[in-house]
Protein backbone atom coordinates (compact mmCIF):
# COMPACT_ATOMS: atom_id res chain seq x y z
CA UNK A 1 0.00 0.00 0.00
CA UNK A 2 1.43 3.36 -0.97
CA UNK A 3 1.43 6.24 1.53
CA UNK A 4 -1.51 8.60 1.15
CA UNK A 5 -1.20 11.29 3.83
CA UNK A 6 1.61 12.86 5.85
CA UNK A 7 0.87 14.74 9.06
CA UNK A 8 3.42 17.43 9.94
CA UNK A 9 3.43 19.24 13.27
CA UNK A 10 5.90 21.88 14.47
CA UNK A 11 6.18 23.13 18.06
CA UNK A 12 8.52 25.73 19.52
CA UNK A 13 8.57 27.19 23.04
CA UNK A 14 6.70 30.29 21.78
CA UNK A 15 4.65 28.94 18.87
CA UNK A 16 2.69 25.84 17.95
CA UNK A 17 1.46 24.90 14.50
CA UNK A 18 -1.75 22.95 14.09
CA UNK A 19 -1.12 19.60 12.43
CA UNK A 20 -0.73 20.04 8.69
CA UNK A 21 -2.23 17.20 6.64
CA UNK A 22 -0.39 16.81 3.33
CA UNK A 23 -2.09 14.56 0.75
CA UNK A 24 0.75 12.51 -0.71
CA UNK A 25 -1.43 11.02 -3.43
CA UNK A 26 -1.18 14.38 -5.22
CA UNK A 27 2.54 13.69 -5.66
CA UNK A 28 1.64 10.72 -7.86
CA UNK A 29 0.43 13.04 -10.64
CA UNK A 30 3.88 14.53 -11.37
CA UNK A 31 5.48 11.15 -10.66
CA UNK A 32 3.43 9.52 -13.42
CA UNK A 33 4.35 12.32 -15.82
CA UNK A 34 8.04 11.90 -14.97
CA UNK A 35 7.89 8.11 -15.03
CA UNK A 36 9.83 7.67 -18.31
CA UNK A 37 12.69 9.79 -16.96
CA UNK A 38 12.61 7.95 -13.63
CA UNK A 39 12.86 4.59 -15.39
CA UNK A 40 15.79 5.78 -17.52
CA UNK A 41 17.56 7.16 -14.44
CA UNK A 42 17.05 3.96 -12.43
CA UNK A 43 18.14 1.83 -15.38
CA UNK A 44 21.26 3.97 -15.94
CA UNK A 45 22.24 3.95 -12.28
CA UNK A 46 21.62 0.23 -12.02
CA UNK A 47 23.80 -0.51 -15.05
CA UNK A 48 26.53 1.82 -13.77
CA UNK A 49 26.41 0.12 -10.36
CA UNK A 50 26.21 -3.37 -11.89
CA UNK A 51 22.82 -4.11 -10.33
CA UNK A 52 19.85 -5.75 -12.04
CA UNK A 53 17.59 -2.80 -13.11
CA UNK A 54 14.38 -4.75 -12.40
CA UNK A 55 15.59 -5.60 -8.93
CA UNK A 56 16.48 -1.93 -8.34
CA UNK A 57 12.95 -0.85 -9.38
CA UNK A 58 11.39 -3.55 -7.19
CA UNK A 59 13.49 -2.43 -4.23
CA UNK A 60 12.50 1.22 -4.76
CA UNK A 61 8.81 0.24 -4.98
CA UNK A 62 9.12 -1.84 -1.78
CA UNK A 63 10.69 1.15 -0.04
CA UNK A 64 7.82 3.45 -1.09
CA UNK A 65 5.20 0.90 -0.04
CA UNK A 66 6.79 0.44 3.40
CA UNK A 67 6.54 4.15 4.29
CA UNK A 68 3.05 4.05 5.91
CA UNK A 69 3.44 3.87 9.65
CA UNK A 70 6.67 5.88 9.66
CA UNK A 71 6.87 8.27 12.61
CA UNK A 72 9.79 10.72 12.80
CA UNK A 73 10.24 13.06 15.75
CA UNK A 74 13.11 15.57 15.99
CA UNK A 75 13.74 17.68 19.12
CA UNK A 76 16.38 20.42 19.27
CA UNK A 77 16.63 23.45 21.57
CA UNK A 78 13.05 23.02 22.74
CA UNK A 79 11.64 22.95 19.20
CA UNK A 80 9.90 19.79 18.03
CA UNK A 81 9.14 18.61 14.51
CA UNK A 82 6.98 15.56 14.08
CA UNK A 83 6.17 13.79 10.78
CA UNK A 84 3.82 10.83 10.55
CA UNK A 85 3.09 9.04 7.29
CA UNK A 86 -0.30 7.34 7.20
PDB file of N, CA and C in Angstrom:
ATOM      1  N   UNK A   1       0.852  -1.181   0.000  1.00  0.00           N
ATOM      2  CA  UNK A   1       0.000   0.000   0.000  1.00  0.00           C
ATOM      3  C   UNK A   1       0.892   1.237   0.000  1.00  0.00           C
ATOM      4  N   UNK A   2       0.626   2.154  -0.891  1.00  0.00           N
ATOM      5  CA  UNK A   2       1.431   3.364  -0.967  1.00  0.00           C
ATOM      6  C   UNK A   2       0.946   4.380   0.060  1.00  0.00           C
ATOM      7  N   UNK A   3       1.841   5.239   0.537  1.00  0.00           N
ATOM      8  CA  UNK A   3       1.432   6.237   1.531  1.00  0.00           C
ATOM      9  C   UNK A   3       0.469   7.239   0.917  1.00  0.00           C
ATOM     10  N   UNK A   4      -0.520   7.677   1.695  1.00  0.00           N
ATOM     11  CA  UNK A   4      -1.505   8.597   1.147  1.00  0.00           C
ATOM     12  C   UNK A   4      -1.513   9.961   1.828  1.00  0.00           C
ATOM     13  N   UNK A   5      -1.153  10.014   3.097  1.00  0.00           N
ATOM     14  CA  UNK A   5      -1.199  11.290   3.825  1.00  0.00           C
ATOM     15  C   UNK A   5      -0.010  11.380   4.782  1.00  0.00           C
ATOM     16  N   UNK A   6       0.571  12.571   4.860  1.00  0.00           N
ATOM     17  CA  UNK A   6       1.605  12.858   5.847  1.00  0.00           C
ATOM     18  C   UNK A   6       1.076  13.941   6.783  1.00  0.00           C
ATOM     19  N   UNK A   7       1.300  13.764   8.063  1.00  0.00           N
ATOM     20  CA  UNK A   7       0.866  14.743   9.056  1.00  0.00           C
ATOM     21  C   UNK A   7       2.125  15.376   9.634  1.00  0.00           C
ATOM     22  N   UNK A   8       2.237  16.697   9.481  1.00  0.00           N
ATOM     23  CA  UNK A   8       3.416  17.430   9.939  1.00  0.00           C
ATOM     24  C   UNK A   8       2.990  18.381  11.046  1.00  0.00           C
ATOM     25  N   UNK A   9       3.734  18.358  12.145  1.00  0.00           N
ATOM     26  CA  UNK A   9       3.427  19.240  13.267  1.00  0.00           C
ATOM     27  C   UNK A   9       4.727  19.841  13.790  1.00  0.00           C
ATOM     28  N   UNK A  10       4.719  21.158  13.999  1.00  0.00           N
ATOM     29  CA  UNK A  10       5.897  21.876  14.472  1.00  0.00           C
ATOM     30  C   UNK A  10       5.531  22.605  15.763  1.00  0.00           C
ATOM     31  N   UNK A  11       6.390  22.447  16.776  1.00  0.00           N
ATOM     32  CA  UNK A  11       6.177  23.129  18.060  1.00  0.00           C
ATOM     33  C   UNK A  11       7.485  23.788  18.475  1.00  0.00           C
ATOM     34  N   UNK A  12       7.387  25.026  18.926  1.00  0.00           N
ATOM     35  CA  UNK A  12       8.521  25.731  19.520  1.00  0.00           C
ATOM     36  C   UNK A  12       8.073  26.210  20.894  1.00  0.00           C
ATOM     37  N   UNK A  13       8.997  26.696  21.720  1.00  0.00           N
ATOM     38  CA  UNK A  13       8.566  27.187  23.037  1.00  0.00           C
ATOM     39  C   UNK A  13       7.551  28.337  22.960  1.00  0.00           C
ATOM     40  N   UNK A  14       7.570  29.114  21.878  1.00  0.00           N
ATOM     41  CA  UNK A  14       6.698  30.287  21.777  1.00  0.00           C
ATOM     42  C   UNK A  14       5.601  30.149  20.743  1.00  0.00           C
ATOM     43  N   UNK A  15       5.598  29.058  19.985  1.00  0.00           N
ATOM     44  CA  UNK A  15       4.650  28.939  18.874  1.00  0.00           C
ATOM     45  C   UNK A  15       4.333  27.472  18.614  1.00  0.00           C
ATOM     46  N   UNK A  16       3.090  27.206  18.266  1.00  0.00           N
ATOM     47  CA  UNK A  16       2.694  25.838  17.953  1.00  0.00           C
ATOM     48  C   UNK A  16       1.836  25.840  16.699  1.00  0.00           C
ATOM     49  N   UNK A  17       2.193  25.022  15.761  1.00  0.00           N
ATOM     50  CA  UNK A  17       1.463  24.902  14.499  1.00  0.00           C
ATOM     51  C   UNK A  17       0.414  23.798  14.637  1.00  0.00           C
ATOM     52  N   UNK A  18      -0.767  24.026  14.108  1.00  0.00           N
ATOM     53  CA  UNK A  18      -1.750  22.952  14.089  1.00  0.00           C
ATOM     54  C   UNK A  18      -1.254  21.882  13.119  1.00  0.00           C
ATOM     55  N   UNK A  19      -1.606  20.656  13.331  1.00  0.00           N
ATOM     56  CA  UNK A  19      -1.124  19.605  12.432  1.00  0.00           C
ATOM     57  C   UNK A  19      -1.505  19.885  10.976  1.00  0.00           C
ATOM     58  N   UNK A  20      -0.532  19.783  10.112  1.00  0.00           N
ATOM     59  CA  UNK A  20      -0.728  20.039   8.686  1.00  0.00           C
ATOM     60  C   UNK A  20      -0.845  18.704   7.971  1.00  0.00           C
ATOM     61  N   UNK A  21      -1.994  18.442   7.360  1.00  0.00           N
ATOM     62  CA  UNK A  21      -2.232  17.200   6.643  1.00  0.00           C
ATOM     63  C   UNK A  21      -1.861  17.419   5.178  1.00  0.00           C
ATOM     64  N   UNK A  22      -0.868  16.683   4.706  1.00  0.00           N
ATOM     65  CA  UNK A  22      -0.388  16.814   3.327  1.00  0.00           C
ATOM     66  C   UNK A  22      -0.811  15.564   2.554  1.00  0.00           C
ATOM     67  N   UNK A  23      -1.666  15.725   1.532  1.00  0.00           N
ATOM     68  CA  UNK A  23      -2.091  14.557   0.753  1.00  0.00           C
ATOM     69  C   UNK A  23      -0.986  14.118  -0.210  1.00  0.00           C
ATOM     70  N   UNK A  24      -0.366  12.990   0.092  1.00  0.00           N
ATOM     71  CA  UNK A  24       0.747  12.508  -0.714  1.00  0.00           C
ATOM     72  C   UNK A  24       0.305  11.935  -2.051  1.00  0.00           C
ATOM     73  N   UNK A  25      -0.986  11.568  -2.163  1.00  0.00           N
ATOM     74  CA  UNK A  25      -1.435  11.018  -3.432  1.00  0.00           C
ATOM     75  C   UNK A  25      -1.373  12.057  -4.551  1.00  0.00           C
ATOM     76  N   UNK A  26      -1.338  13.349  -4.197  1.00  0.00           N
ATOM     77  CA  UNK A  26      -1.182  14.381  -5.220  1.00  0.00           C
ATOM     78  C   UNK A  26       0.215  14.373  -5.830  1.00  0.00           C
ATOM     79  N   UNK A  27       1.187  13.800  -5.114  1.00  0.00           N
ATOM     80  CA  UNK A  27       2.540  13.686  -5.661  1.00  0.00           C
ATOM     81  C   UNK A  27       2.622  12.639  -6.753  1.00  0.00           C
ATOM     82  N   UNK A  28       1.617  11.753  -6.825  1.00  0.00           N
ATOM     83  CA  UNK A  28       1.642  10.717  -7.858  1.00  0.00           C
ATOM     84  C   UNK A  28       1.382  11.297  -9.241  1.00  0.00           C
ATOM     85  N   UNK A  29       0.704  12.427  -9.338  1.00  0.00           N
ATOM     86  CA  UNK A  29       0.428  13.043 -10.642  1.00  0.00           C
ATOM     87  C   UNK A  29       1.728  13.447 -11.338  1.00  0.00           C
ATOM     88  N   UNK A  30       2.617  14.241 -10.699  1.00  0.00           N
ATOM     89  CA  UNK A  30       3.884  14.534 -11.373  1.00  0.00           C
ATOM     90  C   UNK A  30       4.776  13.308 -11.498  1.00  0.00           C
ATOM     91  N   UNK A  31       4.654  12.363 -10.568  1.00  0.00           N
ATOM     92  CA  UNK A  31       5.480  11.155 -10.656  1.00  0.00           C
ATOM     93  C   UNK A  31       5.123  10.349 -11.896  1.00  0.00           C
ATOM     94  N   UNK A  32       3.846  10.259 -12.214  1.00  0.00           N
ATOM     95  CA  UNK A  32       3.427   9.523 -13.416  1.00  0.00           C
ATOM     96  C   UNK A  32       3.911  10.246 -14.665  1.00  0.00           C
ATOM     97  N   UNK A  33       3.871  11.566 -14.655  1.00  0.00           N
ATOM     98  CA  UNK A  33       4.349  12.322 -15.817  1.00  0.00           C
ATOM     99  C   UNK A  33       5.858  12.183 -15.996  1.00  0.00           C
ATOM    100  N   UNK A  34       6.582  12.039 -14.911  1.00  0.00           N
ATOM    101  CA  UNK A  34       8.042  11.904 -14.971  1.00  0.00           C
ATOM    102  C   UNK A  34       8.504  10.456 -15.022  1.00  0.00           C
ATOM    103  N   UNK A  35       7.555   9.528 -15.081  1.00  0.00           N
ATOM    104  CA  UNK A  35       7.885   8.109 -15.027  1.00  0.00           C
ATOM    105  C   UNK A  35       8.896   7.660 -16.082  1.00  0.00           C
ATOM    106  N   UNK A  36       8.802   8.090 -17.338  1.00  0.00           N
ATOM    107  CA  UNK A  36       9.826   7.667 -18.311  1.00  0.00           C
ATOM    108  C   UNK A  36      11.235   8.099 -17.906  1.00  0.00           C
ATOM    109  N   UNK A  37      11.374   9.301 -17.388  1.00  0.00           N
ATOM    110  CA  UNK A  37      12.687   9.792 -16.962  1.00  0.00           C
ATOM    111  C   UNK A  37      13.181   9.034 -15.725  1.00  0.00           C
ATOM    112  N   UNK A  38      12.246   8.701 -14.825  1.00  0.00           N
ATOM    113  CA  UNK A  38      12.608   7.951 -13.626  1.00  0.00           C
ATOM    114  C   UNK A  38      13.114   6.565 -14.005  1.00  0.00           C
ATOM    115  N   UNK A  39      12.416   5.908 -14.948  1.00  0.00           N
ATOM    116  CA  UNK A  39      12.861   4.586 -15.394  1.00  0.00           C
ATOM    117  C   UNK A  39      14.242   4.638 -16.036  1.00  0.00           C
ATOM    118  N   UNK A  40      14.483   5.649 -16.871  1.00  0.00           N
ATOM    119  CA  UNK A  40      15.789   5.781 -17.515  1.00  0.00           C
ATOM    120  C   UNK A  40      16.873   6.028 -16.466  1.00  0.00           C
ATOM    121  N   UNK A  41      16.582   6.867 -15.479  1.00  0.00           N
ATOM    122  CA  UNK A  41      17.565   7.159 -14.435  1.00  0.00           C
ATOM    123  C   UNK A  41      17.869   5.911 -13.602  1.00  0.00           C
ATOM    124  N   UNK A  42      16.834   5.184 -13.207  1.00  0.00           N
ATOM    125  CA  UNK A  42      17.050   3.961 -12.429  1.00  0.00           C
ATOM    126  C   UNK A  42      17.828   2.940 -13.249  1.00  0.00           C
ATOM    127  N   UNK A  43      17.450   2.789 -14.516  1.00  0.00           N
ATOM    128  CA  UNK A  43      18.140   1.833 -15.382  1.00  0.00           C
ATOM    129  C   UNK A  43      19.608   2.216 -15.550  1.00  0.00           C
ATOM    130  N   UNK A  44      19.875   3.510 -15.773  1.00  0.00           N
ATOM    131  CA  UNK A  44      21.258   3.970 -15.936  1.00  0.00           C
ATOM    132  C   UNK A  44      22.083   3.785 -14.679  1.00  0.00           C
ATOM    133  N   UNK A  45      21.511   4.125 -13.535  1.00  0.00           N
ATOM    134  CA  UNK A  45      22.237   3.950 -12.278  1.00  0.00           C
ATOM    135  C   UNK A  45      22.455   2.479 -11.948  1.00  0.00           C
ATOM    136  N   UNK A  46      21.474   1.659 -12.285  1.00  0.00           N
ATOM    137  CA  UNK A  46      21.620   0.229 -12.018  1.00  0.00           C
ATOM    138  C   UNK A  46      22.707  -0.387 -12.889  1.00  0.00           C
ATOM    139  N   UNK A  47      22.758   0.006 -14.160  1.00  0.00           N
ATOM    140  CA  UNK A  47      23.795  -0.513 -15.055  1.00  0.00           C
ATOM    141  C   UNK A  47      25.168  -0.013 -14.604  1.00  0.00           C
ATOM    142  N   UNK A  48      25.254   1.258 -14.218  1.00  0.00           N
ATOM    143  CA  UNK A  48      26.531   1.819 -13.765  1.00  0.00           C
ATOM    144  C   UNK A  48      26.993   1.143 -12.470  1.00  0.00           C
ATOM    145  N   UNK A  49      26.060   0.767 -11.619  1.00  0.00           N
ATOM    146  CA  UNK A  49      26.411   0.120 -10.360  1.00  0.00           C
ATOM    147  C   UNK A  49      26.414  -1.389 -10.443  1.00  0.00           C
ATOM    148  N   UNK A  50      26.224  -1.923 -11.658  1.00  0.00           N
ATOM    149  CA  UNK A  50      26.209  -3.374 -11.893  1.00  0.00           C
ATOM    150  C   UNK A  50      25.161  -4.086 -11.042  1.00  0.00           C
ATOM    151  N   UNK A  51      23.945  -3.533 -11.051  1.00  0.00           N
ATOM    152  CA  UNK A  51      22.816  -4.113 -10.327  1.00  0.00           C
ATOM    153  C   UNK A  51      21.721  -4.383 -11.355  1.00  0.00           C
ATOM    154  N   UNK A  52      20.957  -5.443 -11.146  1.00  0.00           N
ATOM    155  CA  UNK A  52      19.846  -5.751 -12.039  1.00  0.00           C
ATOM    156  C   UNK A  52      18.834  -4.595 -11.983  1.00  0.00           C
ATOM    157  N   UNK A  53      18.517  -3.946 -13.126  1.00  0.00           N
ATOM    158  CA  UNK A  53      17.594  -2.795 -13.110  1.00  0.00           C
ATOM    159  C   UNK A  53      16.204  -3.156 -12.581  1.00  0.00           C
ATOM    160  N   UNK A  54      15.709  -4.351 -12.887  1.00  0.00           N
ATOM    161  CA  UNK A  54      14.382  -4.748 -12.404  1.00  0.00           C
ATOM    162  C   UNK A  54      14.387  -4.935 -10.896  1.00  0.00           C
ATOM    163  N   UNK A  55      15.491  -5.448 -10.383  1.00  0.00           N
ATOM    164  CA  UNK A  55      15.594  -5.605  -8.929  1.00  0.00           C
ATOM    165  C   UNK A  55      15.683  -4.233  -8.250  1.00  0.00           C
ATOM    166  N   UNK A  56      16.380  -3.288  -8.888  1.00  0.00           N
ATOM    167  CA  UNK A  56      16.476  -1.933  -8.335  1.00  0.00           C
ATOM    168  C   UNK A  56      15.100  -1.270  -8.292  1.00  0.00           C
ATOM    169  N   UNK A  57      14.297  -1.437  -9.366  1.00  0.00           N
ATOM    170  CA  UNK A  57      12.949  -0.854  -9.384  1.00  0.00           C
ATOM    171  C   UNK A  57      12.061  -1.526  -8.347  1.00  0.00           C
ATOM    172  N   UNK A  58      12.190  -2.842  -8.193  1.00  0.00           N
ATOM    173  CA  UNK A  58      11.394  -3.551  -7.190  1.00  0.00           C
ATOM    174  C   UNK A  58      11.764  -3.097  -5.783  1.00  0.00           C
ATOM    175  N   UNK A  59      13.045  -2.894  -5.543  1.00  0.00           N
ATOM    176  CA  UNK A  59      13.490  -2.427  -4.226  1.00  0.00           C
ATOM    177  C   UNK A  59      12.970  -1.022  -3.940  1.00  0.00           C
ATOM    178  N   UNK A  60      13.014  -0.142  -4.936  1.00  0.00           N
ATOM    179  CA  UNK A  60      12.495   1.218  -4.763  1.00  0.00           C
ATOM    180  C   UNK A  60      10.996   1.189  -4.475  1.00  0.00           C
ATOM    181  N   UNK A  61      10.252   0.348  -5.201  1.00  0.00           N
ATOM    182  CA  UNK A  61       8.809   0.239  -4.978  1.00  0.00           C
ATOM    183  C   UNK A  61       8.519  -0.301  -3.575  1.00  0.00           C
ATOM    184  N   UNK A  62       9.295  -1.300  -3.129  1.00  0.00           N
ATOM    185  CA  UNK A  62       9.116  -1.837  -1.780  1.00  0.00           C
ATOM    186  C   UNK A  62       9.394  -0.778  -0.722  1.00  0.00           C
ATOM    187  N   UNK A  63      10.373   0.067  -0.972  1.00  0.00           N
ATOM    188  CA  UNK A  63      10.690   1.151  -0.042  1.00  0.00           C
ATOM    189  C   UNK A  63       9.528   2.132   0.057  1.00  0.00           C
ATOM    190  N   UNK A  64       8.952   2.515  -1.084  1.00  0.00           N
ATOM    191  CA  UNK A  64       7.821   3.455  -1.086  1.00  0.00           C
ATOM    192  C   UNK A  64       6.611   2.832  -0.388  1.00  0.00           C
ATOM    193  N   UNK A  65       6.357   1.557  -0.638  1.00  0.00           N
ATOM    194  CA  UNK A  65       5.197   0.898  -0.041  1.00  0.00           C
ATOM    195  C   UNK A  65       5.363   0.649   1.461  1.00  0.00           C
ATOM    196  N   UNK A  66       6.580   0.675   1.961  1.00  0.00           N
ATOM    197  CA  UNK A  66       6.792   0.444   3.395  1.00  0.00           C
ATOM    198  C   UNK A  66       6.771   1.740   4.207  1.00  0.00           C
ATOM    199  N   UNK A  67       6.554   2.875   3.577  1.00  0.00           N
ATOM    200  CA  UNK A  67       6.542   4.148   4.290  1.00  0.00           C
ATOM    201  C   UNK A  67       5.355   4.347   5.240  1.00  0.00           C
ATOM    202  N   UNK A  68       4.137   3.845   4.942  1.00  0.00           N
ATOM    203  CA  UNK A  68       3.046   4.055   5.908  1.00  0.00           C
ATOM    204  C   UNK A  68       3.405   3.490   7.276  1.00  0.00           C
ATOM    205  N   UNK A  69       3.110   4.263   8.293  1.00  0.00           N
ATOM    206  CA  UNK A  69       3.444   3.865   9.654  1.00  0.00           C
ATOM    207  C   UNK A  69       4.741   4.498  10.141  1.00  0.00           C
ATOM    208  N   UNK A  70       5.433   5.211   9.261  1.00  0.00           N
ATOM    209  CA  UNK A  70       6.674   5.875   9.657  1.00  0.00           C
ATOM    210  C   UNK A  70       6.350   7.060  10.549  1.00  0.00           C
ATOM    211  N   UNK A  71       7.088   7.187  11.637  1.00  0.00           N
ATOM    212  CA  UNK A  71       6.874   8.265  12.605  1.00  0.00           C
ATOM    213  C   UNK A  71       8.249   8.834  12.950  1.00  0.00           C
ATOM    214  N   UNK A  72       8.499  10.077  12.550  1.00  0.00           N
ATOM    215  CA  UNK A  72       9.791  10.718  12.797  1.00  0.00           C
ATOM    216  C   UNK A  72       9.564  11.905  13.722  1.00  0.00           C
ATOM    217  N   UNK A  73      10.343  11.958  14.786  1.00  0.00           N
ATOM    218  CA  UNK A  73      10.239  13.060  15.747  1.00  0.00           C
ATOM    219  C   UNK A  73      11.641  13.606  15.991  1.00  0.00           C
ATOM    220  N   UNK A  74      11.812  14.918  15.791  1.00  0.00           N
ATOM    221  CA  UNK A  74      13.110  15.566  15.992  1.00  0.00           C
ATOM    222  C   UNK A  74      12.927  16.666  17.030  1.00  0.00           C
ATOM    223  N   UNK A  75      13.797  16.663  18.061  1.00  0.00           N
ATOM    224  CA  UNK A  75      13.740  17.675  19.119  1.00  0.00           C
ATOM    225  C   UNK A  75      15.111  18.329  19.213  1.00  0.00           C
ATOM    226  N   UNK A  76      15.128  19.670  19.142  1.00  0.00           N
ATOM    227  CA  UNK A  76      16.381  20.415  19.266  1.00  0.00           C
ATOM    228  C   UNK A  76      16.076  21.784  19.861  1.00  0.00           C
ATOM    229  N   UNK A  77      16.778  22.136  20.912  1.00  0.00           N
ATOM    230  CA  UNK A  77      16.634  23.448  21.566  1.00  0.00           C
ATOM    231  C   UNK A  77      15.180  23.772  21.899  1.00  0.00           C
ATOM    232  N   UNK A  78      14.430  22.798  22.341  1.00  0.00           N
ATOM    233  CA  UNK A  78      13.052  23.023  22.739  1.00  0.00           C
ATOM    234  C   UNK A  78      12.058  22.992  21.590  1.00  0.00           C
ATOM    235  N   UNK A  79      12.537  23.022  20.366  1.00  0.00           N
ATOM    236  CA  UNK A  79      11.644  22.951  19.202  1.00  0.00           C
ATOM    237  C   UNK A  79      11.450  21.486  18.822  1.00  0.00           C
ATOM    238  N   UNK A  80      10.230  21.161  18.403  1.00  0.00           N
ATOM    239  CA  UNK A  80       9.897  19.791  18.031  1.00  0.00           C
ATOM    240  C   UNK A  80       9.285  19.782  16.635  1.00  0.00           C
ATOM    241  N   UNK A  81       9.741  18.840  15.816  1.00  0.00           N
ATOM    242  CA  UNK A  81       9.145  18.614  14.506  1.00  0.00           C
ATOM    243  C   UNK A  81       8.739  17.148  14.464  1.00  0.00           C
ATOM    244  N   UNK A  82       7.497  16.919  14.104  1.00  0.00           N
ATOM    245  CA  UNK A  82       6.983  15.561  14.080  1.00  0.00           C
ATOM    246  C   UNK A  82       6.356  15.305  12.717  1.00  0.00           C
ATOM    247  N   UNK A  83       6.723  14.185  12.082  1.00  0.00           N
ATOM    248  CA  UNK A  83       6.173  13.792  10.782  1.00  0.00           C
ATOM    249  C   UNK A  83       5.668  12.365  10.903  1.00  0.00           C
ATOM    250  N   UNK A  84       4.416  12.165  10.570  1.00  0.00           N
ATOM    251  CA  UNK A  84       3.824  10.826  10.546  1.00  0.00           C
ATOM    252  C   UNK A  84       3.301  10.575   9.139  1.00  0.00           C
ATOM    253  N   UNK A  85       3.595   9.408   8.614  1.00  0.00           N
ATOM    254  CA  UNK A  85       3.090   9.043   7.288  1.00  0.00           C
ATOM    255  C   UNK A  85       2.033   7.971   7.498  1.00  0.00           C
ATOM    256  N   UNK A  86       0.836   8.261   7.024  1.00  0.00           N
ATOM    257  CA  UNK A  86      -0.299   7.344   7.201  1.00  0.00           C
ATOM    258  C   UNK A  86      -0.587   6.592   5.921  1.00  0.00           C
TER     259      UNK A  86
END
